[in-house]
Amino acid sequence: MQTTPNRDSPINLRALPTQRLLIDKAATLLGKSRSDFMLEVACREAMDVLLDQRLFLLDEQQFHAFDAALSTPLSVDQQQRISKLLRTPSLWEH
């Protein structure tokens, strides 16, 4: 039997009556409680924001420095640090 982790970190917010009604209608349509619906949607959006951190702008000098850094072989220490990073669970996997 699978157990659900205890949710003991409260998140409180205030909404307009129209917002609450909209959320309640959507949650009901999916057969979810308001809390489950809001938590699922908020977590999905948070993951999207974190994963979407891929666009950054560089001037020509910054681009050349970035390109050189990518072209330089990694030291043993850097390889170990990257390996450790890749083994670390994402924030939403905890």
PDB file of N, CA and C in Angstrom:
ATOM      1  N   MET A   1       0.841  -1.189   0.000  1.00  0.00           N
ATOM      2  CA  MET A   1       0.000   0.000   0.000  1.00  0.00           C
ATOM      3  C   MET A   1       0.881   1.245   0.000  1.00  0.00           C
ATOM      4  N   GLN A   2       0.614   2.163  -0.910  1.00  0.00           N
ATOM      5  CA  GLN A   2       1.399   3.376  -1.022  1.00  0.00           C
ATOM      6  C   GLN A   2       0.858   4.413  -0.046  1.00  0.00           C
ATOM      7  N   THR A   3       1.755   5.060   0.687  1.00  0.00           N
ATOM      8  CA  THR A   3       1.327   6.099   1.613  1.00  0.00           C
ATOM      9  C   THR A   3       1.680   7.457   1.046  1.00  0.00           C
ATOM     10  N   THR A   4       0.848   8.437   1.348  1.00  0.00           N
ATOM     11  CA  THR A   4       1.078   9.800   0.902  1.00  0.00           C
ATOM     12  C   THR A   4       1.878  10.526   1.967  1.00  0.00           C
ATOM     13  N   PRO A   5       2.943  11.230   1.566  1.00  0.00           N
ATOM     14  CA  PRO A   5       3.715  11.978   2.563  1.00  0.00           C
ATOM     15  C   PRO A   5       2.839  13.007   3.259  1.00  0.00           C
ATOM     16  N   ASN A   6       3.126  13.236   4.524  1.00  0.00           N
ATOM     17  CA  ASN A   6       2.363  14.210   5.306  1.00  0.00           C
ATOM     18  C   ASN A   6       2.663  15.617   4.816  1.00  0.00           C
ATOM     19  N   ARG A   7       1.649  16.350   4.481  1.00  0.00           N
ATOM     20  CA  ARG A   7       1.806  17.741   4.046  1.00  0.00           C
ATOM     21  C   ARG A   7       1.709  18.622   5.284  1.00  0.00           C
ATOM     22  N   ASP A   8       2.837  19.088   5.750  1.00  0.00           N
ATOM     23  CA  ASP A   8       2.827  19.887   6.967  1.00  0.00           C
ATOM     24  C   ASP A   8       3.411  21.288   6.780  1.00  0.00           C
ATOM     25  N   SER A   9       3.528  21.736   5.542  1.00  0.00           N
ATOM     26  CA  SER A   9       4.014  23.083   5.255  1.00  0.00           C
ATOM     27  C   SER A   9       2.883  23.894   4.638  1.00  0.00           C
ATOM     28  N   PRO A  10       2.200  24.698   5.451  1.00  0.00           N
ATOM     29  CA  PRO A  10       1.040  25.435   4.934  1.00  0.00           C
ATOM     30  C   PRO A  10       1.425  26.520   3.943  1.00  0.00           C
ATOM     31  N   ILE A  11       0.553  26.722   2.970  1.00  0.00           N
ATOM     32  CA  ILE A  11       0.650  27.834   2.017  1.00  0.00           C
ATOM     33  C   ILE A  11      -0.709  28.514   2.051  1.00  0.00           C
ATOM     34  N   ASN A  12      -0.732  29.768   2.437  1.00  0.00           N
ATOM     35  CA  ASN A  12      -1.994  30.499   2.541  1.00  0.00           C
ATOM     36  C   ASN A  12      -2.010  31.635   1.536  1.00  0.00           C
ATOM     37  N   LEU A  13      -3.169  31.866   0.929  1.00  0.00           N
ATOM     38  CA  LEU A  13      -3.307  33.006   0.039  1.00  0.00           C
ATOM     39  C   LEU A  13      -4.755  33.471   0.028  1.00  0.00           C
ATOM     40  N   ARG A  14      -4.924  34.688  -0.359  1.00  0.00           N
ATOM     41  CA  ARG A  14      -6.265  35.265  -0.460  1.00  0.00           C
ATOM     42  C   ARG A  14      -6.599  35.454  -1.927  1.00  0.00           C
ATOM     43  N   ALA A  15      -7.846  35.210  -2.253  1.00  0.00           N
ATOM     44  CA  ALA A  15      -8.294  35.325  -3.643  1.00  0.00           C
ATOM     45  C   ALA A  15      -9.606  36.092  -3.695  1.00  0.00           C
ATOM     46  N   LEU A  16      -9.885  36.623  -4.869  1.00  0.00           N
ATOM     47  CA  LEU A  16     -11.195  37.234  -5.100  1.00  0.00           C
ATOM     48  C   LEU A  16     -12.233  36.117  -5.178  1.00  0.00           C
ATOM     49  N   PRO A  17     -13.477  36.399  -4.828  1.00  0.00           N
ATOM     50  CA  PRO A  17     -14.517  35.368  -4.928  1.00  0.00           C
ATOM     51  C   PRO A  17     -14.611  34.761  -6.331  1.00  0.00           C
ATOM     52  N   THR A  18     -14.423  35.581  -7.364  1.00  0.00           N
ATOM     53  CA  THR A  18     -14.490  35.062  -8.734  1.00  0.00           C
ATOM     54  C   THR A  18     -13.324  34.115  -9.026  1.00  0.00           C
ATOM     55  N   GLN A  19     -12.156  34.406  -8.467  1.00  0.00           N
ATOM     56  CA  GLN A  19     -11.003  33.530  -8.654  1.00  0.00           C
ATOM     57  C   GLN A  19     -11.230  32.191  -7.954  1.00  0.00           C
ATOM     58  N   ARG A  20     -11.764  32.257  -6.743  1.00  0.00           N
ATOM     59  CA  ARG A  20     -12.029  31.020  -6.003  1.00  0.00           C
ATOM     60  C   ARG A  20     -13.054  30.170  -6.747  1.00  0.00           C
ATOM     61  N   LEU A  21     -14.091  30.803  -7.272  1.00  0.00           N
ATOM     62  CA  LEU A  21     -15.118  30.074  -8.010  1.00  0.00           C
ATOM     63  C   LEU A  21     -14.521  29.416  -9.259  1.00  0.00           C
ATOM     64  N   LEU A  22     -13.683  30.140  -9.972  1.00  0.00           N
ATOM     65  CA  LEU A  22     -13.034  29.604 -11.161  1.00  0.00           C
ATOM     66  C   LEU A  22     -12.181  28.384 -10.806  1.00  0.00           C
ATOM     67  N   ILE A  23     -11.382  28.514  -9.754  1.00  0.00           N
ATOM     68  CA  ILE A  23     -10.529  27.403  -9.309  1.00  0.00           C
ATOM     69  C   ILE A  23     -11.374  26.220  -8.870  1.00  0.00           C
ATOM     70  N   ASP A  24     -12.412  26.483  -8.120  1.00  0.00           N
ATOM     71  CA  ASP A  24     -13.285  25.397  -7.658  1.00  0.00           C
ATOM     72  C   ASP A  24     -13.943  24.662  -8.823  1.00  0.00           C
ATOM     73  N   LYS A  25     -14.385  25.412  -9.831  1.00  0.00           N
ATOM     74  CA  LYS A  25     -15.008  24.764 -10.992  1.00  0.00           C
ATOM     75  C   LYS A  25     -14.013  23.862 -11.717  1.00  0.00           C
ATOM     76  N   ALA A  26     -12.807  24.357 -11.910  1.00  0.00           N
ATOM     77  CA  ALA A  26     -11.792  23.560 -12.592  1.00  0.00           C
ATOM     78  C   ALA A  26     -11.418  22.330 -11.773  1.00  0.00           C
ATOM     79  N   ALA A  27     -11.254  22.501 -10.472  1.00  0.00           N
ATOM     80  CA  ALA A  27     -10.904  21.370  -9.603  1.00  0.00           C
ATOM     81  C   ALA A  27     -12.012  20.322  -9.618  1.00  0.00           C
ATOM     82  N   THR A  28     -13.243  20.759  -9.540  1.00  0.00           N
ATOM     83  CA  THR A  28     -14.383  19.831  -9.567  1.00  0.00           C
ATOM     84  C   THR A  28     -14.431  19.072 -10.889  1.00  0.00           C
ATOM     85  N   LEU A  29     -14.178  19.780 -11.971  1.00  0.00           N
ATOM     86  CA  LEU A  29     -14.185  19.154 -13.290  1.00  0.00           C
ATOM     87  C   LEU A  29     -13.164  18.015 -13.368  1.00  0.00           C
ATOM     88  N   LEU A  30     -12.032  18.178 -12.679  1.00  0.00           N
ATOM     89  CA  LEU A  30     -10.985  17.156 -12.676  1.00  0.00           C
ATOM     90  C   LEU A  30     -11.117  16.165 -11.518  1.00  0.00           C
ATOM     91  N   GLY A  31     -12.132  16.354 -10.691  1.00  0.00           N
ATOM     92  CA  GLY A  31     -12.335  15.450  -9.555  1.00  0.00           C
ATOM     93  C   GLY A  31     -11.294  15.626  -8.472  1.00  0.00           C
ATOM     94  N   LYS A  32     -10.811  16.838  -8.300  1.00  0.00           N
ATOM     95  CA  LYS A  32      -9.779  17.118  -7.304  1.00  0.00           C
ATOM     96  C   LYS A  32     -10.298  18.119  -6.280  1.00  0.00           C
ATOM     97  N   SER A  33      -9.669  18.115  -5.127  1.00  0.00           N
ATOM     98  CA  SER A  33      -9.978  19.145  -4.142  1.00  0.00           C
ATOM     99  C   SER A  33      -9.333  20.450  -4.603  1.00  0.00           C
ATOM    100  N   ARG A  34      -9.789  21.542  -4.048  1.00  0.00           N
ATOM    101  CA  ARG A  34      -9.203  22.838  -4.381  1.00  0.00           C
ATOM    102  C   ARG A  34      -7.714  22.836  -4.060  1.00  0.00           C
ATOM    103  N   SER A  35      -7.353  22.338  -2.883  1.00  0.00           N
ATOM    104  CA  SER A  35      -5.942  22.321  -2.483  1.00  0.00           C
ATOM    105  C   SER A  35      -5.102  21.468  -3.426  1.00  0.00           C
ATOM    106  N   ASP A  36      -5.571  20.263  -3.740  1.00  0.00           N
ATOM    107  CA  ASP A  36      -4.813  19.395  -4.642  1.00  0.00           C
ATOM    108  C   ASP A  36      -4.647  20.033  -6.015  1.00  0.00           C
ATOM    109  N   PHE A  37      -5.722  20.627  -6.515  1.00  0.00           N
ATOM    110  CA  PHE A  37      -5.672  21.276  -7.821  1.00  0.00           C
ATOM    111  C   PHE A  37      -4.671  22.426  -7.814  1.00  0.00           C
ATOM    112  N   MET A  38      -4.761  23.308  -6.820  1.00  0.00           N
ATOM    113  CA  MET A  38      -3.888  24.474  -6.766  1.00  0.00           C
ATOM    114  C   MET A  38      -2.430  24.068  -6.584  1.00  0.00           C
ATOM    115  N   LEU A  39      -2.181  23.074  -5.749  1.00  0.00           N
ATOM    116  CA  LEU A  39      -0.813  22.634  -5.523  1.00  0.00           C
ATOM    117  C   LEU A  39      -0.222  22.017  -6.789  1.00  0.00           C
ATOM    118  N   GLU A  40      -1.003  21.198  -7.479  1.00  0.00           N
ATOM    119  CA  GLU A  40      -0.538  20.570  -8.716  1.00  0.00           C
ATOM    120  C   GLU A  40      -0.212  21.619  -9.777  1.00  0.00           C
ATOM    121  N   VAL A  41      -1.110  22.582  -9.954  1.00  0.00           N
ATOM    122  CA  VAL A  41      -0.916  23.617 -10.973  1.00  0.00           C
ATOM    123  C   VAL A  41       0.264  24.519 -10.600  1.00  0.00           C
ATOM    124  N   ALA A  42       0.379  24.887  -9.336  1.00  0.00           N
ATOM    125  CA  ALA A  42       1.478  25.751  -8.907  1.00  0.00           C
ATOM    126  C   ALA A  42       2.823  25.044  -9.073  1.00  0.00           C
ATOM    127  N   CYS A  43       2.882  23.773  -8.723  1.00  0.00           N
ATOM    128  CA  CYS A  43       4.139  23.017  -8.876  1.00  0.00           C
ATOM    129  C   CYS A  43       4.506  22.844 -10.345  1.00  0.00           C
ATOM    130  N   ARG A  44       3.526  22.580 -11.186  1.00  0.00           N
ATOM    131  CA  ARG A  44       3.793  22.438 -12.619  1.00  0.00           C
ATOM    132  C   ARG A  44       4.342  23.754 -13.184  1.00  0.00           C
ATOM    133  N   GLU A  45       3.758  24.860 -12.784  1.00  0.00           N
ATOM    134  CA  GLU A  45       4.221  26.164 -13.259  1.00  0.00           C
ATOM    135  C   GLU A  45       5.619  26.471 -12.717  1.00  0.00           C
ATOM    136  N   ALA A  46       5.871  26.119 -11.464  1.00  0.00           N
ATOM    137  CA  ALA A  46       7.190  26.349 -10.879  1.00  0.00           C
ATOM    138  C   ALA A  46       8.256  25.551 -11.634  1.00  0.00           C
ATOM    139  N   MET A  47       7.957  24.307 -11.975  1.00  0.00           N
ATOM    140  CA  MET A  47       8.905  23.492 -12.746  1.00  0.00           C
ATOM    141  C   MET A  47       9.162  24.124 -14.110  1.00  0.00           C
ATOM    142  N   ASP A  48       8.104  24.608 -14.757  1.00  0.00           N
ATOM    143  CA  ASP A  48       8.265  25.243 -16.070  1.00  0.00           C
ATOM    144  C   ASP A  48       9.175  26.471 -15.975  1.00  0.00           C
ATOM    145  N   VAL A  49       8.975  27.277 -14.941  1.00  0.00           N
ATOM    146  CA  VAL A  49       9.793  28.475 -14.761  1.00  0.00           C
ATOM    147  C   VAL A  49      11.252  28.088 -14.550  1.00  0.00           C
ATOM    148  N   LEU A  50      11.485  27.100 -13.685  1.00  0.00           N
ATOM    149  CA  LEU A  50      12.862  26.679 -13.408  1.00  0.00           C
ATOM    150  C   LEU A  50      13.526  26.062 -14.636  1.00  0.00           C
ATOM    151  N   LEU A  51      12.782  25.261 -15.382  1.00  0.00           N
ATOM    152  CA  LEU A  51      13.352  24.617 -16.561  1.00  0.00           C
ATOM    153  C   LEU A  51      13.516  25.571 -17.737  1.00  0.00           C
ATOM    154  N   ASP A  52      12.814  26.696 -17.720  1.00  0.00           N
ATOM    155  CA  ASP A  52      12.835  27.630 -18.842  1.00  0.00           C
ATOM    156  C   ASP A  52      13.964  28.650 -18.734  1.00  0.00           C
ATOM    157  N   GLN A  53      14.872  28.444 -17.832  1.00  0.00           N
ATOM    158  CA  GLN A  53      15.991  29.375 -17.657  1.00  0.00           C
ATOM    159  C   GLN A  53      17.087  29.057 -18.667  1.00  0.00           C
ATOM    160  N   ARG A  54      16.757  29.143 -19.934  1.00  0.00           N
ATOM    161  CA  ARG A  54      17.718  28.772 -20.965  1.00  0.00           C
ATOM    162  C   ARG A  54      18.096  29.923 -21.891  1.00  0.00           C
ATOM    163  N   LEU A  55      17.385  31.033 -21.859  1.00  0.00           N
ATOM    164  CA  LEU A  55      17.702  32.160 -22.731  1.00  0.00           C
ATOM    165  C   LEU A  55      18.537  33.173 -21.966  1.00  0.00           C
ATOM    166  N   PHE A  56      19.694  33.452 -22.486  1.00  0.00           N
ATOM    167  CA  PHE A  56      20.510  34.512 -21.910  1.00  0.00           C
ATOM    168  C   PHE A  56      21.203  35.231 -23.058  1.00  0.00           C
ATOM    169  N   LEU A  57      21.413  36.508 -22.883  1.00  0.00           N
ATOM    170  CA  LEU A  57      21.957  37.345 -23.948  1.00  0.00           C
ATOM    171  C   LEU A  57      23.393  37.729 -23.615  1.00  0.00           C
ATOM    172  N   LEU A  58      24.259  37.644 -24.609  1.00  0.00           N
ATOM    173  CA  LEU A  58      25.667  37.966 -24.432  1.00  0.00           C
ATOM    174  C   LEU A  58      26.115  38.936 -25.511  1.00  0.00           C
ATOM    175  N   ASP A  59      26.998  39.859 -25.117  1.00  0.00           N
ATOM    176  CA  ASP A  59      27.609  40.684 -26.159  1.00  0.00           C
ATOM    177  C   ASP A  59      28.730  39.854 -26.798  1.00  0.00           C
ATOM    178  N   GLU A  60      29.413  40.419 -27.782  1.00  0.00           N
ATOM    179  CA  GLU A  60      30.399  39.643 -28.532  1.00  0.00           C
ATOM    180  C   GLU A  60      31.536  39.136 -27.640  1.00  0.00           C
ATOM    181  N   GLN A  61      32.027  39.988 -26.758  1.00  0.00           N
ATOM    182  CA  GLN A  61      33.118  39.600 -25.865  1.00  0.00           C
ATOM    183  C   GLN A  61      32.668  38.485 -24.908  1.00  0.00           C
ATOM    184  N   GLN A  62      31.482  38.625 -24.344  1.00  0.00           N
ATOM    185  CA  GLN A  62      30.955  37.595 -23.448  1.00  0.00           C
ATOM    186  C   GLN A  62      30.740  36.278 -24.195  1.00  0.00           C
ATOM    187  N   PHE A  63      30.267  36.373 -25.446  1.00  0.00           N
ATOM    188  CA  PHE A  63      30.052  35.164 -26.228  1.00  0.00           C
ATOM    189  C   PHE A  63      31.362  34.426 -26.467  1.00  0.00           C
ATOM    190  N   HIS A  64      32.421  35.156 -26.805  1.00  0.00           N
ATOM    191  CA  HIS A  64      33.716  34.511 -27.054  1.00  0.00           C
ATOM    192  C   HIS A  64      34.240  33.850 -25.774  1.00  0.00           C
ATOM    193  N   ALA A  65      34.065  34.503 -24.637  1.00  0.00           N
ATOM    194  CA  ALA A  65      34.493  33.911 -23.361  1.00  0.00           C
ATOM    195  C   ALA A  65      33.667  32.658 -23.065  1.00  0.00           C
ATOM    196  N   PHE A  66      32.379  32.710 -23.325  1.00  0.00           N
ATOM    197  CA  PHE A  66      31.492  31.565 -23.109  1.00  0.00           C
ATOM    198  C   PHE A  66      31.886  30.413 -24.031  1.00  0.00           C
ATOM    199  N   ASP A  67      32.117  30.723 -25.294  1.00  0.00           N
ATOM    200  CA  ASP A  67      32.509  29.706 -26.267  1.00  0.00           C
ATOM    201  C   ASP A  67      33.850  29.069 -25.883  1.00  0.00           C
ATOM    202  N   ALA A  68      34.787  29.879 -25.419  1.00  0.00           N
ATOM    203  CA  ALA A  68      36.087  29.349 -24.991  1.00  0.00           C
ATOM    204  C   ALA A  68      35.919  28.432 -23.782  1.00  0.00           C
ATOM    205  N   ALA A  69      35.060  28.819 -22.862  1.00  0.00           N
ATOM    206  CA  ALA A  69      34.824  27.981 -21.682  1.00  0.00           C
ATOM    207  C   ALA A  69      34.216  26.640 -22.079  1.00  0.00           C
ATOM    208  N   LEU A  70      33.331  26.647 -23.051  1.00  0.00           N
ATOM    209  CA  LEU A  70      32.730  25.394 -23.514  1.00  0.00           C
ATOM    210  C   LEU A  70      33.728  24.521 -24.269  1.00  0.00           C
ATOM    211  N   SER A  71      34.690  25.138 -24.906  1.00  0.00           N
ATOM    212  CA  SER A  71      35.665  24.407 -25.722  1.00  0.00           C
ATOM    213  C   SER A  71      36.837  23.864 -24.905  1.00  0.00           C
ATOM    214  N   THR A  72      37.022  24.369 -23.711  1.00  0.00           N
ATOM    215  CA  THR A  72      38.141  23.952 -22.869  1.00  0.00           C
ATOM    216  C   THR A  72      37.815  22.625 -22.189  1.00  0.00           C
ATOM    217  N   PRO A  73      38.723  21.644 -22.254  1.00  0.00           N
ATOM    218  CA  PRO A  73      38.465  20.368 -21.562  1.00  0.00           C
ATOM    219  C   PRO A  73      38.319  20.582 -20.062  1.00  0.00           C
ATOM    220  N   LEU A  74      37.481  19.749 -19.443  1.00  0.00           N
ATOM    221  CA  LEU A  74      37.237  19.856 -18.012  1.00  0.00           C
ATOM    222  C   LEU A  74      38.379  19.247 -17.214  1.00  0.00           C
ATOM    223  N   SER A  75      38.674  19.860 -16.076  1.00  0.00           N
ATOM    224  CA  SER A  75      39.643  19.272 -15.156  1.00  0.00           C
ATOM    225  C   SER A  75      38.978  18.096 -14.445  1.00  0.00           C
ATOM    226  N   VAL A  76      39.761  17.292 -13.758  1.00  0.00           N
ATOM    227  CA  VAL A  76      39.219  16.155 -13.009  1.00  0.00           C
ATOM    228  C   VAL A  76      38.237  16.657 -11.953  1.00  0.00           C
ATOM    229  N   ASP A  77      38.597  17.750 -11.272  1.00  0.00           N
ATOM    230  CA  ASP A  77      37.710  18.321 -10.253  1.00  0.00           C
ATOM    231  C   ASP A  77      36.376  18.760 -10.865  1.00  0.00           C
ATOM    232  N   GLN A  78      36.428  19.418 -12.004  1.00  0.00           N
ATOM    233  CA  GLN A  78      35.196  19.853 -12.671  1.00  0.00           C
ATOM    234  C   GLN A  78      34.357  18.655 -13.093  1.00  0.00           C
ATOM    235  N   GLN A  79      34.994  17.603 -13.590  1.00  0.00           N
ATOM    236  CA  GLN A  79      34.264  16.390 -13.978  1.00  0.00           C
ATOM    237  C   GLN A  79      33.558  15.782 -12.779  1.00  0.00           C
ATOM    238  N   GLN A  80      34.243  15.752 -11.639  1.00  0.00           N
ATOM    239  CA  GLN A  80      33.645  15.187 -10.425  1.00  0.00           C
ATOM    240  C   GLN A  80      32.468  16.040  -9.954  1.00  0.00           C
ATOM    241  N   ARG A  81      32.631  17.355 -10.016  1.00  0.00           N
ATOM    242  CA  ARG A  81      31.554  18.249  -9.582  1.00  0.00           C
ATOM    243  C   ARG A  81      30.332  18.115 -10.491  1.00  0.00           C
ATOM    244  N   ILE A  82      30.559  17.987 -11.787  1.00  0.00           N
ATOM    245  CA  ILE A  82      29.448  17.816 -12.724  1.00  0.00           C
ATOM    246  C   ILE A  82      28.766  16.473 -12.499  1.00  0.00           C
ATOM    247  N   SER A  83      29.541  15.440 -12.267  1.00  0.00           N
ATOM    248  CA  SER A  83      28.957  14.117 -11.981  1.00  0.00           C
ATOM    249  C   SER A  83      28.086  14.172 -10.742  1.00  0.00           C
ATOM    250  N   LYS A  84      28.566  14.859  -9.711  1.00  0.00           N
ATOM    251  CA  LYS A  84      27.781  15.005  -8.472  1.00  0.00           C
ATOM    252  C   LYS A  84      26.490  15.777  -8.751  1.00  0.00           C
ATOM    253  N   LEU A  85      26.591  16.853  -9.523  1.00  0.00           N
ATOM    254  CA  LEU A  85      25.416  17.657  -9.865  1.00  0.00           C
ATOM    255  C   LEU A  85      24.373  16.819 -10.604  1.00  0.00           C
ATOM    256  N   LEU A  86      24.822  16.000 -11.540  1.00  0.00           N
ATOM    257  CA  LEU A  86      23.890  15.188 -12.327  1.00  0.00           C
ATOM    258  C   LEU A  86      23.236  14.087 -11.487  1.00  0.00           C
ATOM    259  N   ARG A  87      23.867  13.698 -10.393  1.00  0.00           N
ATOM    260  CA  ARG A  87      23.272  12.695  -9.503  1.00  0.00           C
ATOM    261  C   ARG A  87      22.333  13.312  -8.468  1.00  0.00           C
ATOM    262  N   THR A  88      22.353  14.629  -8.345  1.00  0.00           N
ATOM    263  CA  THR A  88      21.524  15.334  -7.369  1.00  0.00           C
ATOM    264  C   THR A  88      20.095  15.442  -7.892  1.00  0.00           C
ATOM    265  N   PRO A  89      19.101  15.008  -7.095  1.00  0.00           N
ATOM    266  CA  PRO A  89      17.705  15.113  -7.554  1.00  0.00           C
ATOM    267  C   PRO A  89      17.285  16.572  -7.756  1.00  0.00           C
ATOM    268  N   SER A  90      16.410  16.793  -8.700  1.00  0.00           N
ATOM    269  CA  SER A  90      15.857  18.127  -8.924  1.00  0.00           C
ATOM    270  C   SER A  90      15.017  18.533  -7.722  1.00  0.00           C
ATOM    271  N   LEU A  91      14.745  19.827  -7.615  1.00  0.00           N
ATOM    272  CA  LEU A  91      13.969  20.335  -6.483  1.00  0.00           C
ATOM    273  C   LEU A  91      12.625  19.625  -6.348  1.00  0.00           C
ATOM    274  N   TRP A  92      11.993  19.293  -7.473  1.00  0.00           N
ATOM    275  CA  TRP A  92      10.663  18.690  -7.425  1.00  0.00           C
ATOM    276  C   TRP A  92      10.714  17.177  -7.241  1.00  0.00           C
ATOM    277  N   GLU A  93      11.892  16.601  -7.163  1.00  0.00           N
ATOM    278  CA  GLU A  93      12.016  15.170  -6.942  1.00  0.00           C
ATOM    279  C   GLU A  93      12.175  14.828  -5.462  1.00  0.00           C
ATOM    280  N   HIS A  94      12.197  15.811  -4.601  1.00  0.00           N
ATOM    281  CA  HIS A  94      12.348  15.573  -3.162  1.00  0.00           C
ATOM    282  C   HIS A  94      11.030  15.199  -2.547  1.00  0.00           C
TER     283      HIS A  94
END
